[in-house]
Amino acid sequence: LPIWQALVTRQASGYRLTGVKSLVPAAADAELFVVAAQLNGRPALFIVEADAEGVTITADRSMGLRAAGIGQVELNRVTVPLSASGSASIGTTVGVIGAQA
Protein backbone atom coordinates (compact mmCIF):
# COMPACT_ATOMS: atom_id res chain seq x y z
CA LEU A 1 0.00 0.00 0.00
CA PRO A 2 1.21 3.52 -0.67
CA ILE A 3 2.31 5.68 2.25
CA TRP A 4 -0.51 8.11 1.49
CA GLN A 5 -3.95 6.95 0.54
CA ALA A 6 -6.52 9.64 0.01
CA LEU A 7 -9.49 10.63 -2.05
CA VAL A 8 -10.27 13.92 -3.71
CA THR A 9 -13.71 14.30 -5.25
CA ARG A 10 -15.30 17.20 -7.10
CA GLN A 11 -18.40 18.64 -5.46
CA ALA A 12 -20.83 21.28 -6.74
CA SER A 13 -19.22 23.98 -4.58
CA GLY A 14 -15.62 22.73 -4.53
CA TYR A 15 -13.70 19.60 -3.58
CA ARG A 16 -13.82 17.03 -0.79
CA LEU A 17 -10.56 15.55 0.53
CA THR A 18 -10.19 12.48 2.75
CA GLY A 19 -6.99 10.77 3.87
CA VAL A 20 -4.12 10.59 6.35
CA LYS A 21 -0.49 11.71 6.05
CA SER A 22 2.20 11.03 8.64
CA LEU A 23 5.60 12.71 9.08
CA VAL A 24 4.35 16.20 8.17
CA PRO A 25 6.94 18.80 9.29
CA ALA A 26 5.64 21.62 11.56
CA ALA A 27 2.13 20.18 11.37
CA ALA A 28 0.95 21.62 14.70
CA ASP A 29 2.16 25.13 13.81
CA ALA A 30 0.81 25.25 10.25
CA GLU A 31 -2.06 27.53 9.35
CA LEU A 32 -2.39 26.07 5.84
CA PHE A 33 -1.53 22.81 4.14
CA VAL A 34 -0.80 22.44 0.44
CA VAL A 35 -2.28 19.13 -0.64
CA ALA A 36 -0.98 17.67 -3.89
CA ALA A 37 -3.54 15.49 -5.64
CA GLN A 38 -4.24 13.87 -8.94
CA LEU A 39 -7.63 14.94 -10.24
CA ASN A 40 -8.92 13.54 -13.52
CA GLY A 41 -5.44 12.25 -14.30
CA ARG A 42 -3.77 15.65 -13.88
CA PRO A 43 -1.81 17.04 -10.95
CA ALA A 44 -3.54 19.67 -8.83
CA LEU A 45 -2.83 21.51 -5.59
CA PHE A 46 -5.37 22.29 -2.89
CA ILE A 47 -5.03 24.81 -0.08
CA VAL A 48 -6.52 23.42 3.15
CA GLU A 49 -6.81 25.56 6.26
CA ALA A 50 -5.49 23.79 9.36
CA ASP A 51 -8.60 24.72 11.34
CA ALA A 52 -11.08 23.56 8.66
CA GLU A 53 -13.81 21.20 9.77
CA GLY A 54 -12.57 17.62 9.39
CA VAL A 55 -8.84 18.38 9.79
CA THR A 56 -7.19 16.62 12.75
CA ILE A 57 -3.54 17.16 13.61
CA THR A 58 -1.76 14.93 16.12
CA ALA A 59 1.86 14.88 17.27
CA ASP A 60 4.00 12.13 15.78
CA ARG A 61 6.87 11.47 18.17
CA SER A 62 9.33 10.19 15.58
CA MET A 63 12.62 9.27 17.16
CA GLY A 64 15.26 11.90 16.52
CA LEU A 65 12.88 14.25 14.69
CA ARG A 66 11.25 16.15 17.58
CA ALA A 67 12.79 19.47 16.55
CA ALA A 68 11.00 19.26 13.19
CA GLY A 69 7.59 19.23 14.90
CA ILE A 70 6.55 16.16 12.94
CA GLY A 71 2.83 15.45 13.02
CA GLN A 72 0.09 13.41 11.45
CA VAL A 73 -2.62 15.18 9.46
CA GLU A 74 -5.98 13.52 8.93
CA LEU A 75 -8.45 14.92 6.41
CA ASN A 76 -11.94 13.58 7.07
CA ARG A 77 -14.30 14.75 4.33
CA VAL A 78 -12.73 18.21 4.32
CA THR A 79 -14.47 20.54 1.90
CA VAL A 80 -12.53 23.29 0.15
CA PRO A 81 -13.92 25.86 -2.32
CA LEU A 82 -13.16 25.83 -6.03
CA SER A 83 -10.79 28.76 -5.47
CA ALA A 84 -8.60 26.55 -3.20
CA SER A 85 -7.40 24.52 -6.18
CA GLY A 86 -4.79 25.14 -8.83
CA SER A 87 -3.06 23.10 -11.49
CA ALA A 88 0.49 21.95 -10.91
CA SER A 89 3.04 21.70 -13.66
CA ILE A 90 5.56 18.91 -13.97
CA GLY A 91 8.46 19.61 -11.65
CA THR A 92 6.36 21.38 -9.04
CA THR A 93 7.95 20.80 -5.66
CA VAL A 94 5.28 22.49 -3.52
CA GLY A 95 3.21 20.01 -1.55
CA VAL A 96 3.12 18.81 2.01
CA ILE A 97 0.52 16.15 1.48
CA GLY A 98 -0.06 13.96 -1.60
CA ALA A 99 -3.37 12.48 -2.64
CA GLN A 100 -4.80 10.60 -5.56
CA ALA A 101 -8.29 10.75 -7.03
PDB file of N, CA and C in Angstrom:
ATOM      1  N   LEU A   1       0.834  -1.193   0.000  1.00  0.00           N
ATOM      2  CA  LEU A   1       0.000   0.000   0.000  1.00  0.00           C
ATOM      3  C   LEU A   1       0.872   1.249   0.000  1.00  0.00           C
ATOM      4  N   PRO A   2       0.449   2.285  -0.686  1.00  0.00           N
ATOM      5  CA  PRO A   2       1.215   3.522  -0.674  1.00  0.00           C
ATOM      6  C   PRO A   2       1.210   4.160   0.713  1.00  0.00           C
ATOM      7  N   ILE A   3       2.226   4.986   0.970  1.00  0.00           N
ATOM      8  CA  ILE A   3       2.310   5.683   2.251  1.00  0.00           C
ATOM      9  C   ILE A   3       1.098   6.576   2.447  1.00  0.00           C
ATOM     10  N   TRP A   4       0.628   7.182   1.392  1.00  0.00           N
ATOM     11  CA  TRP A   4      -0.510   8.106   1.487  1.00  0.00           C
ATOM     12  C   TRP A   4      -1.652   7.575   0.650  1.00  0.00           C
ATOM     13  N   GLN A   5      -2.752   7.326   1.272  1.00  0.00           N
ATOM     14  CA  GLN A   5      -3.954   6.952   0.537  1.00  0.00           C
ATOM     15  C   GLN A   5      -5.000   7.997   0.840  1.00  0.00           C
ATOM     16  N   ALA A   6      -5.537   8.593  -0.183  1.00  0.00           N
ATOM     17  CA  ALA A   6      -6.522   9.644   0.007  1.00  0.00           C
ATOM     18  C   ALA A   6      -7.430   9.727  -1.196  1.00  0.00           C
ATOM     19  N   LEU A   7      -8.524  10.399  -0.994  1.00  0.00           N
ATOM     20  CA  LEU A   7      -9.489  10.630  -2.052  1.00  0.00           C
ATOM     21  C   LEU A   7      -9.715  12.117  -2.217  1.00  0.00           C
ATOM     22  N   VAL A   8      -9.823  12.569  -3.432  1.00  0.00           N
ATOM     23  CA  VAL A   8     -10.272  13.921  -3.712  1.00  0.00           C
ATOM     24  C   VAL A   8     -11.411  13.779  -4.706  1.00  0.00           C
ATOM     25  N   THR A   9     -12.552  14.372  -4.368  1.00  0.00           N
ATOM     26  CA  THR A   9     -13.713  14.301  -5.254  1.00  0.00           C
ATOM     27  C   THR A   9     -14.244  15.702  -5.501  1.00  0.00           C
ATOM     28  N   ARG A  10     -14.721  15.900  -6.706  1.00  0.00           N
ATOM     29  CA  ARG A  10     -15.301  17.195  -7.103  1.00  0.00           C
ATOM     30  C   ARG A  10     -16.719  17.266  -6.579  1.00  0.00           C
ATOM     31  N   GLN A  11     -17.062  18.378  -5.952  1.00  0.00           N
ATOM     32  CA  GLN A  11     -18.405  18.645  -5.460  1.00  0.00           C
ATOM     33  C   GLN A  11     -18.945  19.865  -6.205  1.00  0.00           C
ATOM     34  N   ALA A  12     -20.228  20.132  -6.060  1.00  0.00           N
ATOM     35  CA  ALA A  12     -20.826  21.280  -6.744  1.00  0.00           C
ATOM     36  C   ALA A  12     -20.154  22.594  -6.346  1.00  0.00           C
ATOM     37  N   SER A  13     -19.785  22.719  -5.065  1.00  0.00           N
ATOM     38  CA  SER A  13     -19.223  23.981  -4.577  1.00  0.00           C
ATOM     39  C   SER A  13     -17.710  23.942  -4.389  1.00  0.00           C
ATOM     40  N   GLY A  14     -17.067  22.827  -4.718  1.00  0.00           N
ATOM     41  CA  GLY A  14     -15.625  22.735  -4.527  1.00  0.00           C
ATOM     42  C   GLY A  14     -15.127  21.311  -4.594  1.00  0.00           C
ATOM     43  N   TYR A  15     -14.298  20.933  -3.615  1.00  0.00           N
ATOM     44  CA  TYR A  15     -13.697  19.601  -3.580  1.00  0.00           C
ATOM     45  C   TYR A  15     -13.792  19.036  -2.170  1.00  0.00           C
ATOM     46  N   ARG A  16     -13.829  17.710  -2.079  1.00  0.00           N
ATOM     47  CA  ARG A  16     -13.820  17.029  -0.789  1.00  0.00           C
ATOM     48  C   ARG A  16     -12.575  16.151  -0.736  1.00  0.00           C
ATOM     49  N   LEU A  17     -11.794  16.301   0.349  1.00  0.00           N
ATOM     50  CA  LEU A  17     -10.559  15.552   0.529  1.00  0.00           C
ATOM     51  C   LEU A  17     -10.658  14.675   1.771  1.00  0.00           C
ATOM     52  N   THR A  18     -10.208  13.425   1.643  1.00  0.00           N
ATOM     53  CA  THR A  18     -10.192  12.481   2.755  1.00  0.00           C
ATOM     54  C   THR A  18      -8.906  11.679   2.687  1.00  0.00           C
ATOM     55  N   GLY A  19      -8.213  11.569   3.828  1.00  0.00           N
ATOM     56  CA  GLY A  19      -6.994  10.771   3.874  1.00  0.00           C
ATOM     57  C   GLY A  19      -6.148  11.098   5.086  1.00  0.00           C
ATOM     58  N   VAL A  20      -5.023  10.399   5.223  1.00  0.00           N
ATOM     59  CA  VAL A  20      -4.118  10.590   6.354  1.00  0.00           C
ATOM     60  C   VAL A  20      -2.693  10.661   5.835  1.00  0.00           C
ATOM     61  N   LYS A  21      -1.914  11.591   6.381  1.00  0.00           N
ATOM     62  CA  LYS A  21      -0.494  11.705   6.054  1.00  0.00           C
ATOM     63  C   LYS A  21       0.296  11.826   7.343  1.00  0.00           C
ATOM     64  N   SER A  22       1.311  10.980   7.484  1.00  0.00           N
ATOM     65  CA  SER A  22       2.204  11.033   8.637  1.00  0.00           C
ATOM     66  C   SER A  22       3.495  11.745   8.255  1.00  0.00           C
ATOM     67  N   LEU A  23       4.289  12.073   9.261  1.00  0.00           N
ATOM     68  CA  LEU A  23       5.596  12.715   9.083  1.00  0.00           C
ATOM     69  C   LEU A  23       5.501  14.060   8.364  1.00  0.00           C
ATOM     70  N   VAL A  24       4.512  14.868   8.745  1.00  0.00           N
ATOM     71  CA  VAL A  24       4.347  16.202   8.174  1.00  0.00           C
ATOM     72  C   VAL A  24       5.118  17.191   9.047  1.00  0.00           C
ATOM     73  N   PRO A  25       6.154  17.849   8.502  1.00  0.00           N
ATOM     74  CA  PRO A  25       6.936  18.804   9.290  1.00  0.00           C
ATOM     75  C   PRO A  25       6.097  19.999   9.739  1.00  0.00           C
ATOM     76  N   ALA A  26       6.301  20.436  10.987  1.00  0.00           N
ATOM     77  CA  ALA A  26       5.643  21.616  11.565  1.00  0.00           C
ATOM     78  C   ALA A  26       4.118  21.542  11.468  1.00  0.00           C
ATOM     79  N   ALA A  27       3.576  20.361  11.536  1.00  0.00           N
ATOM     80  CA  ALA A  27       2.133  20.181  11.369  1.00  0.00           C
ATOM     81  C   ALA A  27       1.319  20.974  12.385  1.00  0.00           C
ATOM     82  N   ALA A  28       1.721  20.953  13.649  1.00  0.00           N
ATOM     83  CA  ALA A  28       0.952  21.618  14.699  1.00  0.00           C
ATOM     84  C   ALA A  28       0.996  23.138  14.578  1.00  0.00           C
ATOM     85  N   ASP A  29       2.012  23.681  13.932  1.00  0.00           N
ATOM     86  CA  ASP A  29       2.159  25.126  13.810  1.00  0.00           C
ATOM     87  C   ASP A  29       1.604  25.680  12.497  1.00  0.00           C
ATOM     88  N   ALA A  30       1.260  24.810  11.576  1.00  0.00           N
ATOM     89  CA  ALA A  30       0.811  25.253  10.249  1.00  0.00           C
ATOM     90  C   ALA A  30      -0.568  25.896  10.319  1.00  0.00           C
ATOM     91  N   GLU A  31      -0.752  26.916   9.514  1.00  0.00           N
ATOM     92  CA  GLU A  31      -2.059  27.530   9.346  1.00  0.00           C
ATOM     93  C   GLU A  31      -2.735  26.997   8.088  1.00  0.00           C
ATOM     94  N   LEU A  32      -1.910  26.594   7.124  1.00  0.00           N
ATOM     95  CA  LEU A  32      -2.395  26.075   5.844  1.00  0.00           C
ATOM     96  C   LEU A  32      -1.588  24.845   5.464  1.00  0.00           C
ATOM     97  N   PHE A  33      -2.221  23.948   4.730  1.00  0.00           N
ATOM     98  CA  PHE A  33      -1.526  22.810   4.136  1.00  0.00           C
ATOM     99  C   PHE A  33      -1.733  22.877   2.633  1.00  0.00           C
ATOM    100  N   VAL A  34      -0.696  22.564   1.891  1.00  0.00           N
ATOM    101  CA  VAL A  34      -0.803  22.443   0.441  1.00  0.00           C
ATOM    102  C   VAL A  34      -0.893  20.948   0.156  1.00  0.00           C
ATOM    103  N   VAL A  35      -2.027  20.541  -0.378  1.00  0.00           N
ATOM    104  CA  VAL A  35      -2.285  19.129  -0.635  1.00  0.00           C
ATOM    105  C   VAL A  35      -2.130  18.882  -2.129  1.00  0.00           C
ATOM    106  N   ALA A  36      -1.181  18.043  -2.491  1.00  0.00           N
ATOM    107  CA  ALA A  36      -0.982  17.666  -3.888  1.00  0.00           C
ATOM    108  C   ALA A  36      -1.882  16.479  -4.185  1.00  0.00           C
ATOM    109  N   ALA A  37      -2.603  16.558  -5.289  1.00  0.00           N
ATOM    110  CA  ALA A  37      -3.539  15.492  -5.638  1.00  0.00           C
ATOM    111  C   ALA A  37      -3.585  15.303  -7.139  1.00  0.00           C
ATOM    112  N   GLN A  38      -4.022  14.135  -7.527  1.00  0.00           N
ATOM    113  CA  GLN A  38      -4.241  13.871  -8.942  1.00  0.00           C
ATOM    114  C   GLN A  38      -5.747  13.868  -9.151  1.00  0.00           C
ATOM    115  N   LEU A  39      -6.209  14.778  -9.978  1.00  0.00           N
ATOM    116  CA  LEU A  39      -7.629  14.937 -10.236  1.00  0.00           C
ATOM    117  C   LEU A  39      -7.859  14.793 -11.735  1.00  0.00           C
ATOM    118  N   ASN A  40      -8.659  13.817 -12.107  1.00  0.00           N
ATOM    119  CA  ASN A  40      -8.924  13.540 -13.521  1.00  0.00           C
ATOM    120  C   ASN A  40      -7.625  13.292 -14.289  1.00  0.00           C
ATOM    121  N   GLY A  41      -6.687  12.609 -13.642  1.00  0.00           N
ATOM    122  CA  GLY A  41      -5.444  12.252 -14.298  1.00  0.00           C
ATOM    123  C   GLY A  41      -4.421  13.363 -14.396  1.00  0.00           C
ATOM    124  N   ARG A  42      -4.690  14.522 -13.814  1.00  0.00           N
ATOM    125  CA  ARG A  42      -3.768  15.655 -13.878  1.00  0.00           C
ATOM    126  C   ARG A  42      -3.422  16.105 -12.472  1.00  0.00           C
ATOM    127  N   PRO A  43      -2.189  16.572 -12.269  1.00  0.00           N
ATOM    128  CA  PRO A  43      -1.809  17.042 -10.945  1.00  0.00           C
ATOM    129  C   PRO A  43      -2.525  18.338 -10.593  1.00  0.00           C
ATOM    130  N   ALA A  44      -2.893  18.463  -9.336  1.00  0.00           N
ATOM    131  CA  ALA A  44      -3.544  19.673  -8.835  1.00  0.00           C
ATOM    132  C   ALA A  44      -3.103  19.904  -7.401  1.00  0.00           C
ATOM    133  N   LEU A  45      -3.156  21.146  -6.962  1.00  0.00           N
ATOM    134  CA  LEU A  45      -2.829  21.512  -5.595  1.00  0.00           C
ATOM    135  C   LEU A  45      -4.071  22.094  -4.931  1.00  0.00           C
ATOM    136  N   PHE A  46      -4.231  21.796  -3.654  1.00  0.00           N
ATOM    137  CA  PHE A  46      -5.371  22.288  -2.892  1.00  0.00           C
ATOM    138  C   PHE A  46      -4.864  22.951  -1.621  1.00  0.00           C
ATOM    139  N   ILE A  47      -5.363  24.126  -1.318  1.00  0.00           N
ATOM    140  CA  ILE A  47      -5.031  24.814  -0.077  1.00  0.00           C
ATOM    141  C   ILE A  47      -6.081  24.415   0.953  1.00  0.00           C
ATOM    142  N   VAL A  48      -5.620  23.849   2.080  1.00  0.00           N
ATOM    143  CA  VAL A  48      -6.517  23.416   3.150  1.00  0.00           C
ATOM    144  C   VAL A  48      -6.124  24.156   4.418  1.00  0.00           C
ATOM    145  N   GLU A  49      -7.072  24.854   5.012  1.00  0.00           N
ATOM    146  CA  GLU A  49      -6.810  25.557   6.263  1.00  0.00           C
ATOM    147  C   GLU A  49      -6.716  24.540   7.398  1.00  0.00           C
ATOM    148  N   ALA A  50      -5.732  24.731   8.265  1.00  0.00           N
ATOM    149  CA  ALA A  50      -5.491  23.787   9.360  1.00  0.00           C
ATOM    150  C   ALA A  50      -6.676  23.685  10.310  1.00  0.00           C
ATOM    151  N   ASP A  51      -7.461  24.752  10.425  1.00  0.00           N
ATOM    152  CA  ASP A  51      -8.599  24.725  11.344  1.00  0.00           C
ATOM    153  C   ASP A  51      -9.931  24.406  10.642  1.00  0.00           C
ATOM    154  N   ALA A  52      -9.859  23.924   9.398  1.00  0.00           N
ATOM    155  CA  ALA A  52     -11.078  23.559   8.663  1.00  0.00           C
ATOM    156  C   ALA A  52     -11.753  22.358   9.329  1.00  0.00           C
ATOM    157  N   GLU A  53     -13.059  22.321   9.218  1.00  0.00           N
ATOM    158  CA  GLU A  53     -13.812  21.198   9.769  1.00  0.00           C
ATOM    159  C   GLU A  53     -13.366  19.906   9.094  1.00  0.00           C
ATOM    160  N   GLY A  54     -13.013  18.905   9.916  1.00  0.00           N
ATOM    161  CA  GLY A  54     -12.570  17.618   9.394  1.00  0.00           C
ATOM    162  C   GLY A  54     -11.063  17.433   9.389  1.00  0.00           C
ATOM    163  N   VAL A  55     -10.299  18.494   9.713  1.00  0.00           N
ATOM    164  CA  VAL A  55      -8.843  18.381   9.787  1.00  0.00           C
ATOM    165  C   VAL A  55      -8.456  18.069  11.235  1.00  0.00           C
ATOM    166  N   THR A  56      -7.696  16.986  11.423  1.00  0.00           N
ATOM    167  CA  THR A  56      -7.193  16.618  12.745  1.00  0.00           C
ATOM    168  C   THR A  56      -5.678  16.507  12.655  1.00  0.00           C
ATOM    169  N   ILE A  57      -4.999  17.183  13.575  1.00  0.00           N
ATOM    170  CA  ILE A  57      -3.540  17.165  13.611  1.00  0.00           C
ATOM    171  C   ILE A  57      -3.108  16.573  14.946  1.00  0.00           C
ATOM    172  N   THR A  58      -2.277  15.547  14.900  1.00  0.00           N
ATOM    173  CA  THR A  58      -1.759  14.935  16.121  1.00  0.00           C
ATOM    174  C   THR A  58      -0.241  14.867  16.040  1.00  0.00           C
ATOM    175  N   ALA A  59       0.399  14.963  17.209  1.00  0.00           N
ATOM    176  CA  ALA A  59       1.858  14.884  17.266  1.00  0.00           C
ATOM    177  C   ALA A  59       2.303  13.482  16.889  1.00  0.00           C
ATOM    178  N   ASP A  60       3.397  13.401  16.175  1.00  0.00           N
ATOM    179  CA  ASP A  60       3.996  12.126  15.781  1.00  0.00           C
ATOM    180  C   ASP A  60       5.405  12.130  16.352  1.00  0.00           C
ATOM    181  N   ARG A  61       5.597  11.455  17.450  1.00  0.00           N
ATOM    182  CA  ARG A  61       6.874  11.469  18.172  1.00  0.00           C
ATOM    183  C   ARG A  61       7.907  10.573  17.501  1.00  0.00           C
ATOM    184  N   SER A  62       8.320  10.954  16.318  1.00  0.00           N
ATOM    185  CA  SER A  62       9.326  10.191  15.575  1.00  0.00           C
ATOM    186  C   SER A  62      10.684  10.352  16.235  1.00  0.00           C
ATOM    187  N   MET A  63      11.335   9.265  16.474  1.00  0.00           N
ATOM    188  CA  MET A  63      12.620   9.268  17.156  1.00  0.00           C
ATOM    189  C   MET A  63      13.642  10.117  16.397  1.00  0.00           C
ATOM    190  N   GLY A  64      14.231  11.066  17.100  1.00  0.00           N
ATOM    191  CA  GLY A  64      15.261  11.903  16.519  1.00  0.00           C
ATOM    192  C   GLY A  64      14.750  13.051  15.670  1.00  0.00           C
ATOM    193  N   LEU A  65      13.435  13.202  15.544  1.00  0.00           N
ATOM    194  CA  LEU A  65      12.884  14.250  14.686  1.00  0.00           C
ATOM    195  C   LEU A  65      12.009  15.235  15.458  1.00  0.00           C
ATOM    196  N   ARG A  66      12.120  15.282  16.775  1.00  0.00           N
ATOM    197  CA  ARG A  66      11.255  16.152  17.576  1.00  0.00           C
ATOM    198  C   ARG A  66      11.385  17.615  17.202  1.00  0.00           C
ATOM    199  N   ALA A  67      12.578  18.060  16.879  1.00  0.00           N
ATOM    200  CA  ALA A  67      12.789  19.473  16.545  1.00  0.00           C
ATOM    201  C   ALA A  67      12.036  19.891  15.289  1.00  0.00           C
ATOM    202  N   ALA A  68      11.723  18.946  14.431  1.00  0.00           N
ATOM    203  CA  ALA A  68      11.002  19.259  13.194  1.00  0.00           C
ATOM    204  C   ALA A  68       9.506  19.404  13.420  1.00  0.00           C
ATOM    205  N   GLY A  69       9.022  19.103  14.631  1.00  0.00           N
ATOM    206  CA  GLY A  69       7.595  19.233  14.904  1.00  0.00           C
ATOM    207  C   GLY A  69       6.748  18.319  14.043  1.00  0.00           C
ATOM    208  N   ILE A  70       7.236  17.121  13.818  1.00  0.00           N
ATOM    209  CA  ILE A  70       6.554  16.164  12.944  1.00  0.00           C
ATOM    210  C   ILE A  70       5.167  15.834  13.495  1.00  0.00           C
ATOM    211  N   GLY A  71       4.191  15.774  12.617  1.00  0.00           N
ATOM    212  CA  GLY A  71       2.832  15.447  13.023  1.00  0.00           C
ATOM    213  C   GLY A  71       2.127  14.605  11.984  1.00  0.00           C
ATOM    214  N   GLN A  72       0.957  14.154  12.361  1.00  0.00           N
ATOM    215  CA  GLN A  72       0.089  13.409  11.449  1.00  0.00           C
ATOM    216  C   GLN A  72      -1.120  14.288  11.147  1.00  0.00           C
ATOM    217  N   VAL A  73      -1.484  14.379   9.887  1.00  0.00           N
ATOM    218  CA  VAL A  73      -2.623  15.180   9.463  1.00  0.00           C
ATOM    219  C   VAL A  73      -3.670  14.248   8.879  1.00  0.00           C
ATOM    220  N   GLU A  74      -4.858  14.322   9.441  1.00  0.00           N
ATOM    221  CA  GLU A  74      -5.979  13.524   8.927  1.00  0.00           C
ATOM    222  C   GLU A  74      -7.005  14.471   8.321  1.00  0.00           C
ATOM    223  N   LEU A  75      -7.399  14.170   7.102  1.00  0.00           N
ATOM    224  CA  LEU A  75      -8.450  14.917   6.413  1.00  0.00           C
ATOM    225  C   LEU A  75      -9.668  14.008   6.334  1.00  0.00           C
ATOM    226  N   ASN A  76     -10.731  14.396   7.025  1.00  0.00           N
ATOM    227  CA  ASN A  76     -11.936  13.575   7.070  1.00  0.00           C
ATOM    228  C   ASN A  76     -13.083  14.335   6.410  1.00  0.00           C
ATOM    229  N   ARG A  77     -13.246  14.095   5.108  1.00  0.00           N
ATOM    230  CA  ARG A  77     -14.297  14.748   4.332  1.00  0.00           C
ATOM    231  C   ARG A  77     -14.206  16.272   4.425  1.00  0.00           C
ATOM    232  N   VAL A  78     -12.978  16.769   4.263  1.00  0.00           N
ATOM    233  CA  VAL A  78     -12.726  18.212   4.322  1.00  0.00           C
ATOM    234  C   VAL A  78     -13.166  18.837   3.004  1.00  0.00           C
ATOM    235  N   THR A  79     -13.982  19.853   3.091  1.00  0.00           N
ATOM    236  CA  THR A  79     -14.469  20.540   1.898  1.00  0.00           C
ATOM    237  C   THR A  79     -13.698  21.837   1.707  1.00  0.00           C
ATOM    238  N   VAL A  80     -13.215  22.048   0.488  1.00  0.00           N
ATOM    239  CA  VAL A  80     -12.527  23.294   0.147  1.00  0.00           C
ATOM    240  C   VAL A  80     -13.235  23.895  -1.072  1.00  0.00           C
ATOM    241  N   PRO A  81     -13.245  25.228  -1.181  1.00  0.00           N
ATOM    242  CA  PRO A  81     -13.918  25.862  -2.317  1.00  0.00           C
ATOM    243  C   PRO A  81     -13.142  25.669  -3.618  1.00  0.00           C
ATOM    244  N   LEU A  82     -13.802  25.936  -4.727  1.00  0.00           N
ATOM    245  CA  LEU A  82     -13.156  25.830  -6.034  1.00  0.00           C
ATOM    246  C   LEU A  82     -11.902  26.694  -6.098  1.00  0.00           C
ATOM    247  N   SER A  83     -11.928  27.836  -5.435  1.00  0.00           N
ATOM    248  CA  SER A  83     -10.789  28.759  -5.468  1.00  0.00           C
ATOM    249  C   SER A  83      -9.575  28.222  -4.719  1.00  0.00           C
ATOM    250  N   ALA A  84      -9.720  27.133  -3.964  1.00  0.00           N
ATOM    251  CA  ALA A  84      -8.601  26.554  -3.204  1.00  0.00           C
ATOM    252  C   ALA A  84      -7.791  25.576  -4.040  1.00  0.00           C
ATOM    253  N   SER A  85      -8.097  25.469  -5.319  1.00  0.00           N
ATOM    254  CA  SER A  85      -7.403  24.516  -6.182  1.00  0.00           C
ATOM    255  C   SER A  85      -6.660  25.240  -7.286  1.00  0.00           C
ATOM    256  N   GLY A  86      -5.550  24.615  -7.702  1.00  0.00           N
ATOM    257  CA  GLY A  86      -4.790  25.138  -8.833  1.00  0.00           C
ATOM    258  C   GLY A  86      -4.078  23.999  -9.513  1.00  0.00           C
ATOM    259  N   SER A  87      -3.781  24.141 -10.764  1.00  0.00           N
ATOM    260  CA  SER A  87      -3.064  23.099 -11.490  1.00  0.00           C
ATOM    261  C   SER A  87      -1.586  23.167 -11.167  1.00  0.00           C
ATOM    262  N   ALA A  88      -0.962  22.016 -11.146  1.00  0.00           N
ATOM    263  CA  ALA A  88       0.488  21.951 -10.909  1.00  0.00           C
ATOM    264  C   ALA A  88       1.169  21.519 -12.197  1.00  0.00           C
ATOM    265  N   SER A  89       2.300  22.117 -12.475  1.00  0.00           N
ATOM    266  CA  SER A  89       3.040  21.698 -13.655  1.00  0.00           C
ATOM    267  C   SER A  89       4.063  20.653 -13.261  1.00  0.00           C
ATOM    268  N   ILE A  90       4.545  19.910 -14.237  1.00  0.00           N
ATOM    269  CA  ILE A  90       5.564  18.906 -13.972  1.00  0.00           C
ATOM    270  C   ILE A  90       6.776  19.599 -13.382  1.00  0.00           C
ATOM    271  N   GLY A  91       7.318  19.023 -12.318  1.00  0.00           N
ATOM    272  CA  GLY A  91       8.463  19.614 -11.653  1.00  0.00           C
ATOM    273  C   GLY A  91       8.085  20.463 -10.453  1.00  0.00           C
ATOM    274  N   THR A  92       6.797  20.628 -10.195  1.00  0.00           N
ATOM    275  CA  THR A  92       6.363  21.384  -9.040  1.00  0.00           C
ATOM    276  C   THR A  92       6.805  20.686  -7.778  1.00  0.00           C
ATOM    277  N   THR A  93       7.458  21.409  -6.885  1.00  0.00           N
ATOM    278  CA  THR A  93       7.949  20.802  -5.659  1.00  0.00           C
ATOM    279  C   THR A  93       7.118  21.211  -4.450  1.00  0.00           C
ATOM    280  N   VAL A  94       6.135  22.073  -4.626  1.00  0.00           N
ATOM    281  CA  VAL A  94       5.285  22.487  -3.519  1.00  0.00           C
ATOM    282  C   VAL A  94       4.330  21.339  -3.208  1.00  0.00           C
ATOM    283  N   GLY A  95       4.166  21.036  -1.941  1.00  0.00           N
ATOM    284  CA  GLY A  95       3.211  20.009  -1.548  1.00  0.00           C
ATOM    285  C   GLY A  95       3.653  19.345  -0.276  1.00  0.00           C
ATOM    286  N   VAL A  96       2.843  19.454   0.736  1.00  0.00           N
ATOM    287  CA  VAL A  96       3.123  18.806   2.007  1.00  0.00           C
ATOM    288  C   VAL A  96       2.478  17.446   2.021  1.00  0.00           C
ATOM    289  N   ILE A  97       1.310  17.355   1.421  1.00  0.00           N
ATOM    290  CA  ILE A  97       0.522  16.147   1.477  1.00  0.00           C
ATOM    291  C   ILE A  97       0.176  15.718   0.055  1.00  0.00           C
ATOM    292  N   GLY A  98       0.289  14.459  -0.266  1.00  0.00           N
ATOM    293  CA  GLY A  98      -0.058  13.964  -1.598  1.00  0.00           C
ATOM    294  C   GLY A  98      -1.334  13.152  -1.537  1.00  0.00           C
ATOM    295  N   ALA A  99      -2.121  13.232  -2.578  1.00  0.00           N
ATOM    296  CA  ALA A  99      -3.374  12.480  -2.644  1.00  0.00           C
ATOM    297  C   ALA A  99      -3.593  11.997  -4.066  1.00  0.00           C
ATOM    298  N   GLN A 100      -4.501  11.089  -4.229  1.00  0.00           N
ATOM    299  CA  GLN A 100      -4.804  10.597  -5.561  1.00  0.00           C
ATOM    300  C   GLN A 100      -6.306  10.429  -5.687  1.00  0.00           C
ATOM    301  N   ALA A 101      -6.853  10.869  -6.807  1.00  0.00           N
ATOM    302  CA  ALA A 101      -8.294  10.749  -7.029  1.00  0.00           C
ATOM    303  C   ALA A 101      -8.643   9.356  -7.477  1.00  0.00           C
TER     304      ALA A 101
END
